[in-house]
Amino acid sequence: MIWLISKDMFYFIKNWSIEVFILTLVLHTIAFYFYAKYKNKKEAVILSKAINKVNK
């Protein structure tokens, strides 16, 4: 798509494509790690409340 608009822009971006891919992969991995950690804590609280409710 970029090549159709500007060949110079395409070749400029092409030089950085590997670095952008690696950076994207690393940032998505970090974001997933923190989201999973947050979600697990939230689910643990809900599960604890449900267990306490059953035990009473």
Protein backbone atom coordinates (compact mmCIF):
# COMPACT_ATOMS: atom_id res chain seq x y z
CA MET A 1 0.00 0.00 0.00
CA ILE A 2 2.77 2.43 0.94
CA TRP A 3 4.71 1.45 -2.15
CA LEU A 4 1.77 2.54 -4.31
CA ILE A 5 1.80 6.00 -2.72
CA SER A 6 5.53 6.61 -2.39
CA LYS A 7 8.36 4.28 -3.30
CA ASP A 8 10.85 6.37 -1.31
CA MET A 9 8.74 6.09 1.83
CA PHE A 10 8.43 2.34 1.32
CA TYR A 11 12.19 1.85 1.07
CA PHE A 12 12.74 4.07 4.12
CA ILE A 13 10.26 2.03 6.19
CA LYS A 14 11.56 -1.28 4.81
CA ASN A 15 14.92 -0.63 6.48
CA TRP A 16 13.25 -0.53 9.91
CA SER A 17 10.73 -3.35 9.49
CA ILE A 18 12.69 -5.97 11.49
CA GLU A 19 13.25 -3.59 14.42
CA VAL A 20 9.59 -2.54 14.45
CA PHE A 21 8.49 -6.19 14.40
CA ILE A 22 10.77 -7.09 17.32
CA LEU A 23 9.69 -4.03 19.31
CA THR A 24 6.02 -4.82 18.68
CA LEU A 25 6.53 -8.43 19.76
CA VAL A 26 8.32 -7.41 22.97
CA LEU A 27 5.76 -4.74 23.90
CA HIS A 28 2.82 -7.07 23.26
CA THR A 29 4.47 -9.76 25.41
CA ILE A 30 4.98 -7.29 28.27
CA ALA A 31 1.41 -5.99 27.98
CA PHE A 32 0.02 -9.53 27.99
CA TYR A 33 2.08 -10.41 31.09
CA PHE A 34 0.74 -7.45 33.09
CA TYR A 35 -2.83 -7.96 31.86
CA ALA A 36 -2.74 -11.64 32.81
CA LYS A 37 -1.35 -10.77 36.24
CA TYR A 38 -4.11 -8.19 36.77
CA LYS A 39 -6.81 -10.58 35.55
CA ASN A 40 -5.56 -13.39 37.82
CA LYS A 41 -5.70 -11.14 40.89
CA LYS A 42 -9.23 -10.05 40.00
CA GLU A 43 -10.37 -13.66 39.49
CA ALA A 44 -8.72 -14.72 42.78
CA VAL A 45 -10.73 -12.11 44.68
CA ILE A 46 -13.98 -13.27 43.05
CA LEU A 47 -13.15 -16.90 43.79
CA SER A 48 -12.28 -16.11 47.42
CA LYS A 49 -15.60 -14.31 47.89
CA ALA A 50 -17.47 -17.27 46.38
CA ILE A 51 -15.65 -19.77 48.64
CA ASN A 52 -16.29 -17.64 51.73
CA LYS A 53 -19.97 -17.36 50.81
CA VAL A 54 -20.29 -21.17 50.49
CA ASN A 55 -18.46 -21.82 53.80
CA LYS A 56 -20.75 -19.55 55.81
